[in-house]
Amino acid sequence: MNTNGNISQINIPDDPIGCLVPHNIELPVQGKKGGPLEGKTFIVKDLYDIEGRKTGNGSPDFYSKTQPATETATTVQKLIDSGASLVGVSICDEFFYSLTGANAHYGTPQNLNAPGRLPGGSSSGSAAALTAKLCDIALGSDTGGSVRIPASFCGLYGIRPTHGRVDLSGGRAMAPSFDTAGWFCNDPTLFKTVGSVLLDNKSEVRNIEQLKVAIDCFKKADPKVSEALHKTIEAASNVLPSISEITVAPDGLDHWSESFRIIQASEIKETNLPWVQENKPNLGPGIKERFVMASNITLEETETAKKTRKKIRNHLNELFIPGTIICLPTSPVIAPKINSTPDGLEFFRSNALALTCIAGLSGFPQVSVPATSVENCPVGLSFIGGPGSDELLLDLALQLSPFCT
């Protein structure tokens, strides 16, 4: 394994909240000296390869049948080379195919910023680790909201970068045309510094000239969440650019999210479904049903959804003129209670993808900031910018930090 220095100087954190995979792991890996992240620690989602250990995809059956990685994922190695020390691997939703954060095999990581409530997924353990301050940086991934939803539920800074701007080599695929490598922090300054390490050099640097509040997105949120976020926008208006309202999806966000769902499932049909069908793992509730759904996606459905995506991208490219960002709720609800019934999760499930699919379908970056709280639970506010505007969004997150809870 690629190490540097005396690893005994770095402590592996205890796991009082059940956020780390239980397998024996040859860790820590000490970061190199002199980098911008020197002295910081990080935990990675069980999706990234680490030389010498197995990558489990949130599934104990997959873990038992796979082989140890021969190389460390590029993004993980970049963090190590920049000075951060790898101290743990975090639990995630099984095969990354959920947004709740519950794992039937490893358990649900505790969200200490909203006790008794879900952490959000699929990067659940990564986000939960920061609520317990077990590390400084947590690496996740985001396909359909897997960084953004946990960031909102756990009260963290989280980013889904422009598609392709963070190297996913050595990260397990889910739906490649949507997959991104994202990260979480409690500290907005560190959040920005991580971006300087992980983002490629294809930044589209422009000033933010106008902020458009997505009224159709706010209508998808619980009224209490929407009201609280509007108060944050109003309070921060002096540091925000010119504010106006907009309808992002004239033909309906539900239509958009359905196209996303079909394309995602069609790609899962090529990535993870073949292994599932061949090995017949014991899948948790909800995960099994989603794989069955993916297996039934037809070529005709996929082609229709891809045509819709092309139209949506053309629309969004016209909408996001240079200097424009769009503001929306990160999640439609606060973190649901861990013991929520399927019926109790229905509003979340039926509306979450309508909010997260915009960045997914466009490939544009989205940042979530811990804006406020409702019923003593964190609520995230999101900003989407045009392609390559990741750095501008990270700057904005830092500017807004005095207004965040």
Protein backbone atom coordinates (compact mmCIF):
# COMPACT_ATOMS: atom_id res chain seq x y z
CA MET A 1 0.00 0.00 0.00
CA ASN A 2 1.22 3.51 -0.80
CA THR A 3 2.19 5.08 2.53
CA ASN A 4 4.43 7.90 3.60
CA GLY A 5 6.00 8.28 7.00
CA ASN A 6 5.12 6.62 10.29
CA ILE A 7 1.49 5.55 10.18
CA SER A 8 1.41 5.06 13.94
CA GLN A 9 1.29 8.85 14.24
CA ILE A 10 -2.20 8.85 12.74
CA ASN A 11 -5.05 7.42 14.78
CA ILE A 12 -7.82 5.34 13.27
CA PRO A 13 -11.03 6.82 14.68
CA ASP A 14 -13.33 4.84 16.92
CA ASP A 15 -16.72 4.22 15.34
CA PRO A 16 -19.41 5.02 17.91
CA ILE A 17 -22.03 5.80 15.24
CA GLY A 18 -21.69 2.77 12.97
CA CYS A 19 -20.45 4.62 9.89
CA LEU A 20 -17.38 2.54 8.97
CA VAL A 21 -17.29 -0.84 7.24
CA PRO A 22 -16.40 -3.55 9.77
CA HIS A 23 -13.83 -5.40 7.67
CA ASN A 24 -10.20 -5.44 8.74
CA ILE A 25 -8.44 -2.74 6.76
CA GLU A 26 -4.75 -1.93 6.50
CA LEU A 27 -5.10 1.70 7.55
CA PRO A 28 -4.24 4.46 8.14
CA VAL A 29 -2.37 5.76 5.13
CA GLN A 30 -0.48 8.87 6.11
CA GLY A 31 -0.60 11.87 3.83
CA LYS A 32 2.56 13.25 2.30
CA LYS A 33 4.31 16.17 3.92
CA GLY A 34 3.98 19.72 2.70
CA GLY A 35 0.70 19.56 0.79
CA PRO A 36 -2.27 21.92 1.15
CA LEU A 37 -4.15 19.26 3.14
CA GLU A 38 -1.31 18.33 5.47
CA GLY A 39 -2.57 17.39 8.92
CA LYS A 40 -6.12 16.72 7.71
CA THR A 41 -7.81 13.32 7.81
CA PHE A 42 -10.35 11.81 5.45
CA ILE A 43 -12.71 8.86 5.13
CA VAL A 44 -13.82 7.39 1.79
CA LYS A 45 -17.01 5.72 0.63
CA ASP A 46 -16.92 1.96 0.07
CA LEU A 47 -16.85 2.62 -3.66
CA TYR A 48 -13.22 3.68 -4.09
CA ASP A 49 -10.39 1.21 -4.55
CA ILE A 50 -7.58 1.24 -2.02
CA GLU A 51 -4.52 -0.81 -2.90
CA GLY A 52 -4.45 -4.05 -0.96
CA ARG A 53 -8.07 -4.04 0.27
CA LYS A 54 -11.38 -5.14 -1.11
CA THR A 55 -13.98 -2.62 -2.25
CA GLY A 56 -17.39 -3.75 -1.06
CA ASN A 57 -20.01 -1.58 -2.82
CA GLY A 58 -22.01 -1.58 0.42
CA SER A 59 -22.65 -5.32 0.00
CA PRO A 60 -21.08 -8.01 2.22
CA ASP A 61 -21.77 -10.61 -0.49
CA PHE A 62 -19.90 -8.53 -3.07
CA TYR A 63 -17.06 -7.98 -0.59
CA SER A 64 -16.70 -11.71 0.06
CA LYS A 65 -16.38 -12.53 -3.66
CA THR A 66 -14.22 -9.69 -4.93
CA GLN A 67 -10.43 -9.42 -4.95
CA PRO A 68 -8.23 -6.78 -3.27
CA ALA A 69 -7.51 -3.75 -5.43
CA THR A 70 -4.12 -3.53 -7.07
CA GLU A 71 -4.16 0.27 -7.23
CA THR A 72 -5.60 3.15 -5.23
CA ALA A 73 -8.32 5.23 -6.87
CA THR A 74 -6.94 8.40 -8.44
CA THR A 75 -9.00 10.80 -6.32
CA VAL A 76 -8.06 9.01 -3.09
CA GLN A 77 -4.40 9.12 -4.06
CA LYS A 78 -4.64 12.85 -4.86
CA LEU A 79 -5.88 13.54 -1.34
CA ILE A 80 -3.05 11.48 0.14
CA ASP A 81 -0.47 13.18 -2.08
CA SER A 82 -1.84 16.56 -0.96
CA GLY A 83 -1.22 15.74 2.68
CA ALA A 84 -4.49 14.25 3.95
CA SER A 85 -4.33 10.95 5.82
CA LEU A 86 -6.82 8.20 5.00
CA VAL A 87 -8.28 6.85 8.25
CA GLY A 88 -11.38 4.86 7.30
CA VAL A 89 -13.79 3.43 4.75
CA SER A 90 -17.46 4.30 5.18
CA ILE A 91 -20.67 2.34 4.83
CA CYS A 92 -22.91 3.24 1.89
CA ASP A 93 -26.27 2.13 0.56
CA GLU A 94 -26.09 -1.27 -1.08
CA PHE A 95 -24.72 -0.91 -4.62
CA PHE A 96 -25.34 2.86 -4.16
CA TYR A 97 -28.97 2.35 -5.19
CA SER A 98 -30.85 4.44 -2.59
CA LEU A 99 -31.00 7.94 -1.14
CA THR A 100 -32.03 7.09 2.44
CA GLY A 101 -28.73 5.92 3.95
CA ALA A 102 -30.14 2.68 5.35
CA ASN A 103 -28.14 -0.52 4.80
CA ALA A 104 -29.90 -3.80 5.69
CA HIS A 105 -26.59 -5.59 6.29
CA TYR A 106 -24.31 -3.07 8.00
CA GLY A 107 -26.96 -0.93 9.65
CA THR A 108 -27.79 2.76 9.28
CA PRO A 109 -25.01 5.20 10.26
CA GLN A 110 -26.15 7.63 12.95
CA ASN A 111 -26.75 11.24 11.97
CA LEU A 112 -25.66 13.13 15.08
CA ASN A 113 -26.90 16.42 13.66
CA ALA A 114 -30.43 14.98 13.49
CA PRO A 115 -30.55 12.19 16.09
CA GLY A 116 -32.93 9.37 15.34
CA ARG A 117 -33.14 10.36 11.69
CA LEU A 118 -31.70 9.02 8.46
CA PRO A 119 -28.30 10.32 7.26
CA GLY A 120 -29.25 10.21 3.59
CA GLY A 121 -27.52 8.13 0.98
CA SER A 122 -25.92 6.60 -0.72
CA SER A 123 -22.84 8.31 0.77
CA SER A 124 -24.34 7.81 4.22
CA GLY A 125 -21.30 6.80 6.25
CA SER A 126 -19.14 9.51 4.75
CA ALA A 127 -21.61 12.21 5.76
CA ALA A 128 -22.36 10.68 9.17
CA ALA A 129 -18.64 10.55 9.98
CA LEU A 130 -18.48 14.33 9.77
CA THR A 131 -21.44 14.77 12.12
CA ALA A 132 -19.35 12.86 14.68
CA LYS A 133 -16.19 14.77 13.69
CA LEU A 134 -14.34 11.52 12.95
CA CYS A 135 -12.46 13.20 10.09
CA ASP A 136 -11.98 16.55 8.38
CA ILE A 137 -12.98 15.52 4.83
CA ALA A 138 -15.29 12.77 3.60
CA LEU A 139 -15.23 11.49 0.04
CA GLY A 140 -18.49 10.29 -1.46
CA SER A 141 -19.98 9.93 -4.91
CA ASP A 142 -23.08 11.43 -6.46
CA THR A 143 -25.12 9.89 -9.26
CA GLY A 144 -28.69 10.85 -8.39
CA GLY A 145 -28.14 12.87 -5.21
CA SER A 146 -25.85 10.68 -3.12
CA VAL A 147 -23.74 13.60 -1.84
CA ARG A 148 -26.35 16.33 -1.98
CA ILE A 149 -29.09 14.57 0.02
CA PRO A 150 -26.75 13.49 2.87
CA ALA A 151 -25.28 17.01 2.93
CA SER A 152 -28.75 18.42 3.53
CA PHE A 153 -29.83 15.79 6.07
CA CYS A 154 -26.56 16.04 8.03
CA GLY A 155 -25.98 19.80 7.83
CA LEU A 156 -22.77 19.71 5.78
CA TYR A 157 -21.14 21.41 2.84
CA GLY A 158 -21.36 19.02 -0.12
CA ILE A 159 -20.66 19.18 -3.83
CA ARG A 160 -21.60 17.29 -6.94
CA PRO A 161 -18.93 18.59 -9.39
CA THR A 162 -19.30 19.19 -13.09
CA HIS A 163 -19.53 15.73 -14.62
CA GLY A 164 -16.01 14.55 -15.43
CA ARG A 165 -14.08 17.26 -13.57
CA VAL A 166 -13.02 14.92 -10.75
CA ASP A 167 -11.28 11.72 -11.82
CA LEU A 168 -13.35 8.61 -11.03
CA SER A 169 -10.68 6.10 -12.06
CA GLY A 170 -10.67 3.36 -9.44
CA GLY A 171 -14.21 4.20 -8.34
CA ARG A 172 -16.93 1.64 -8.96
CA ALA A 173 -19.40 2.60 -11.68
CA MET A 174 -23.14 2.87 -11.18
CA ALA A 175 -24.50 4.94 -14.09
CA PRO A 176 -21.42 6.38 -15.82
CA SER A 177 -23.14 9.22 -17.69
CA PHE A 178 -24.27 10.56 -14.28
CA ASP A 179 -21.55 9.36 -11.86
CA THR A 180 -19.43 12.00 -10.14
CA ALA A 181 -16.96 12.04 -7.24
CA GLY A 182 -18.06 14.52 -4.57
CA TRP A 183 -16.97 15.48 -1.09
CA PHE A 184 -18.24 16.81 2.24
CA CYS A 185 -16.77 19.15 4.86
CA ASN A 186 -17.90 20.93 8.01
CA ASP A 187 -15.55 23.84 7.23
CA PRO A 188 -16.29 25.93 4.10
CA THR A 189 -12.65 27.04 3.75
CA LEU A 190 -11.45 23.44 3.74
CA PHE A 191 -14.34 22.58 1.41
CA LYS A 192 -12.90 25.04 -1.11
CA THR A 193 -9.32 23.84 -0.58
CA VAL A 194 -10.31 20.27 -1.42
CA GLY A 195 -11.68 21.61 -4.70
CA SER A 196 -8.28 23.09 -5.55
CA VAL A 197 -6.83 19.59 -5.16
CA LEU A 198 -9.44 17.45 -6.90
CA LEU A 199 -10.91 19.56 -9.70
CA ASP A 200 -9.23 19.47 -13.10
CA ASN A 201 -7.98 22.61 -14.85
CA LYS A 202 -11.12 23.12 -16.96
CA SER A 203 -12.65 25.87 -14.87
CA GLU A 204 -14.96 28.34 -16.57
CA VAL A 205 -14.14 31.33 -14.39
CA ARG A 206 -16.81 34.02 -14.51
CA ASN A 207 -18.35 36.36 -11.99
CA ILE A 208 -21.78 35.45 -10.67
CA GLU A 209 -24.07 38.15 -12.02
CA GLN A 210 -27.55 36.83 -11.34
CA LEU A 211 -29.23 34.33 -9.07
CA LYS A 212 -32.49 32.78 -10.20
CA VAL A 213 -34.72 31.18 -7.57
CA ALA A 214 -36.32 28.07 -9.04
CA ILE A 215 -39.96 28.42 -8.05
CA ASP A 216 -40.95 25.03 -9.45
CA CYS A 217 -38.25 23.41 -7.32
CA PHE A 218 -39.39 25.18 -4.16
CA LYS A 219 -42.92 23.92 -4.83
CA LYS A 220 -41.51 20.38 -4.59
CA ALA A 221 -40.37 20.98 -1.01
CA ASP A 222 -42.28 20.72 2.23
CA PRO A 223 -43.74 24.19 2.94
CA LYS A 224 -41.75 24.50 6.19
CA VAL A 225 -38.51 23.73 4.36
CA SER A 226 -39.35 26.16 1.57
CA GLU A 227 -40.22 28.95 4.00
CA ALA A 228 -37.05 28.50 6.05
CA LEU A 229 -34.86 28.55 2.95
CA HIS A 230 -36.52 31.69 1.59
CA LYS A 231 -35.68 33.40 4.90
CA THR A 232 -32.02 32.42 4.47
CA ILE A 233 -31.97 33.81 0.93
CA GLU A 234 -33.48 37.05 2.17
CA ALA A 235 -31.00 37.30 5.06
CA ALA A 236 -28.06 36.76 2.70
CA SER A 237 -29.34 39.04 -0.06
CA ASN A 238 -26.57 41.61 0.53
CA VAL A 239 -23.87 39.10 -0.49
CA LEU A 240 -25.89 37.52 -3.29
CA PRO A 241 -26.12 38.82 -6.87
CA SER A 242 -29.29 40.19 -8.42
CA ILE A 243 -32.17 37.85 -7.49
CA SER A 244 -35.13 36.90 -9.69
CA GLU A 245 -37.48 33.94 -10.05
CA ILE A 246 -37.58 31.29 -12.76
CA THR A 247 -39.35 28.08 -13.72
CA VAL A 248 -36.58 25.62 -14.54
CA ALA A 249 -38.67 22.88 -16.12
CA PRO A 250 -41.57 24.27 -18.19
CA ASP A 251 -42.63 20.71 -19.08
CA GLY A 252 -42.50 19.53 -15.48
CA LEU A 253 -39.83 18.25 -13.10
CA ASP A 254 -41.57 14.89 -12.79
CA HIS A 255 -41.09 14.37 -16.53
CA TRP A 256 -37.40 15.19 -16.11
CA SER A 257 -36.91 12.87 -13.14
CA GLU A 258 -38.59 9.99 -14.97
CA SER A 259 -36.12 10.38 -17.84
CA PHE A 260 -33.27 10.38 -15.34
CA ARG A 261 -34.61 7.26 -13.62
CA ILE A 262 -34.86 5.33 -16.88
CA ILE A 263 -31.39 6.27 -18.14
CA GLN A 264 -29.85 5.52 -14.75
CA ALA A 265 -31.53 2.11 -14.64
CA SER A 266 -30.49 1.32 -18.21
CA GLU A 267 -26.86 1.99 -17.31
CA ILE A 268 -27.10 -0.03 -14.08
CA LYS A 269 -28.35 -2.83 -16.31
CA GLU A 270 -24.85 -2.77 -17.85
CA THR A 271 -22.74 -2.12 -14.73
CA ASN A 272 -24.01 -3.80 -11.55
CA LEU A 273 -27.01 -5.87 -12.65
CA PRO A 274 -24.97 -8.60 -14.44
CA TRP A 275 -23.04 -9.32 -11.22
CA VAL A 276 -26.26 -9.36 -9.20
CA GLN A 277 -27.95 -11.76 -11.61
CA GLU A 278 -24.96 -14.09 -11.71
CA ASN A 279 -24.16 -14.13 -7.98
CA LYS A 280 -27.65 -13.70 -6.51
CA PRO A 281 -26.62 -11.75 -3.39
CA ASN A 282 -28.94 -11.25 -0.46
CA LEU A 283 -30.27 -7.79 -1.32
CA GLY A 284 -31.93 -5.54 1.21
CA PRO A 285 -35.51 -4.29 0.89
CA GLY A 286 -35.92 -1.69 -1.82
CA ILE A 287 -32.58 -2.53 -3.41
CA LYS A 288 -33.86 -5.85 -4.74
CA GLU A 289 -36.92 -4.20 -6.24
CA ARG A 290 -34.83 -1.50 -7.95
CA PHE A 291 -32.65 -4.10 -9.63
CA VAL A 292 -35.77 -5.91 -10.86
CA MET A 293 -37.03 -2.59 -12.23
CA ALA A 294 -33.69 -1.98 -13.98
CA SER A 295 -33.79 -5.44 -15.56
CA ASN A 296 -37.13 -4.59 -17.16
CA ILE A 297 -36.08 -1.30 -18.75
CA THR A 298 -36.46 -1.60 -22.53
CA LEU A 299 -34.28 -0.21 -25.29
CA GLU A 300 -37.24 1.83 -26.54
CA GLU A 301 -37.72 3.42 -23.11
CA THR A 302 -34.02 4.20 -22.91
CA GLU A 303 -33.86 5.80 -26.35
CA THR A 304 -36.91 7.95 -25.61
CA ALA A 305 -35.41 9.07 -22.29
CA LYS A 306 -32.11 9.93 -23.96
CA LYS A 307 -33.91 12.09 -26.52
CA THR A 308 -35.66 13.86 -23.65
CA ARG A 309 -32.31 14.38 -21.92
CA LYS A 310 -30.90 15.98 -25.06
CA LYS A 311 -33.81 18.45 -25.15
CA ILE A 312 -33.38 19.19 -21.45
CA ARG A 313 -29.67 19.85 -21.90
CA ASN A 314 -30.33 22.22 -24.77
CA HIS A 315 -32.88 24.05 -22.62
CA LEU A 316 -30.53 24.30 -19.63
CA ASN A 317 -27.61 25.46 -21.77
CA GLU A 318 -29.77 28.36 -22.89
CA LEU A 319 -30.97 29.00 -19.33
CA PHE A 320 -27.51 29.08 -17.79
CA ILE A 321 -26.08 32.04 -19.63
CA PRO A 322 -22.62 33.01 -18.32
CA GLY A 323 -22.79 34.39 -14.81
CA THR A 324 -26.11 32.74 -13.94
CA ILE A 325 -26.69 30.39 -11.00
CA ILE A 326 -29.94 28.76 -9.91
CA CYS A 327 -31.02 28.35 -6.30
CA LEU A 328 -33.20 25.47 -5.08
CA PRO A 329 -33.82 23.28 -2.02
CA THR A 330 -31.30 20.45 -1.80
CA SER A 331 -33.91 18.05 -0.44
CA PRO A 332 -37.69 18.33 -0.30
CA VAL A 333 -37.73 17.40 3.40
CA ILE A 334 -35.69 17.29 6.57
CA ALA A 335 -34.14 13.92 7.36
CA PRO A 336 -36.95 11.38 7.87
CA LYS A 337 -36.99 9.34 11.05
CA ILE A 338 -35.07 6.07 10.92
CA ASN A 339 -38.21 4.07 11.65
CA SER A 340 -40.23 5.75 8.91
CA THR A 341 -42.59 3.43 7.06
CA PRO A 342 -42.54 3.22 3.25
CA ASP A 343 -45.65 5.40 3.25
CA GLY A 344 -43.85 7.90 5.48
CA LEU A 345 -41.02 8.12 2.95
CA GLU A 346 -43.32 8.54 -0.04
CA PHE A 347 -43.18 12.35 -0.20
CA PHE A 348 -39.38 12.28 0.01
CA ARG A 349 -39.01 9.57 -2.62
CA SER A 350 -41.48 11.15 -5.03
CA ASN A 351 -39.90 14.59 -4.88
CA ALA A 352 -36.19 14.13 -4.16
CA LEU A 353 -35.24 13.00 -7.66
CA ALA A 354 -37.19 15.91 -9.15
CA LEU A 355 -34.73 18.22 -7.38
CA THR A 356 -31.53 16.22 -7.90
CA CYS A 357 -32.10 15.30 -11.56
CA ILE A 358 -31.39 18.83 -12.85
CA ALA A 359 -27.65 18.66 -12.21
CA GLY A 360 -27.60 15.00 -13.20
CA LEU A 361 -29.24 15.47 -16.59
CA SER A 362 -27.22 18.59 -17.40
CA GLY A 363 -23.86 17.50 -15.97
CA PHE A 364 -23.62 20.89 -14.23
CA PRO A 365 -22.12 21.36 -10.75
CA GLN A 366 -24.23 21.76 -7.63
CA VAL A 367 -23.20 22.83 -4.14
CA SER A 368 -25.30 22.35 -1.01
CA VAL A 369 -24.75 24.55 2.04
CA PRO A 370 -26.14 23.96 5.57
CA ALA A 371 -28.47 26.92 5.34
CA THR A 372 -30.93 26.61 8.20
CA SER A 373 -32.93 24.20 10.34
CA VAL A 374 -36.52 23.01 10.67
CA GLU A 375 -37.66 21.13 13.80
CA ASN A 376 -34.01 21.19 14.94
CA CYS A 377 -32.95 19.32 11.81
CA PRO A 378 -30.53 20.64 9.16
CA VAL A 379 -31.82 21.95 5.85
CA GLY A 380 -29.59 22.38 2.81
CA LEU A 381 -29.81 25.14 0.21
CA SER A 382 -28.37 24.38 -3.22
CA PHE A 383 -26.84 26.35 -6.05
CA ILE A 384 -26.35 25.04 -9.59
CA GLY A 385 -24.01 26.79 -12.00
CA GLY A 386 -23.03 26.25 -15.60
CA PRO A 387 -20.38 23.70 -16.59
CA GLY A 388 -17.00 24.40 -15.03
CA SER A 389 -18.39 26.86 -12.46
CA ASP A 390 -17.43 24.60 -9.54
CA GLU A 391 -14.91 27.07 -8.13
CA LEU A 392 -17.44 29.89 -8.22
CA LEU A 393 -19.89 27.75 -6.27
CA LEU A 394 -17.24 26.85 -3.70
CA ASP A 395 -16.47 30.57 -3.32
CA LEU A 396 -20.17 31.28 -2.88
CA ALA A 397 -20.45 28.60 -0.19
CA LEU A 398 -17.67 30.33 1.73
CA GLN A 399 -19.31 33.75 1.32
CA LEU A 400 -22.59 32.39 2.63
CA SER A 401 -21.07 30.64 5.64
CA PRO A 402 -21.90 33.50 8.08
CA PHE A 403 -25.57 32.95 7.24
CA CYS A 404 -25.48 29.15 7.61
CA THR A 405 -26.38 27.24 10.74
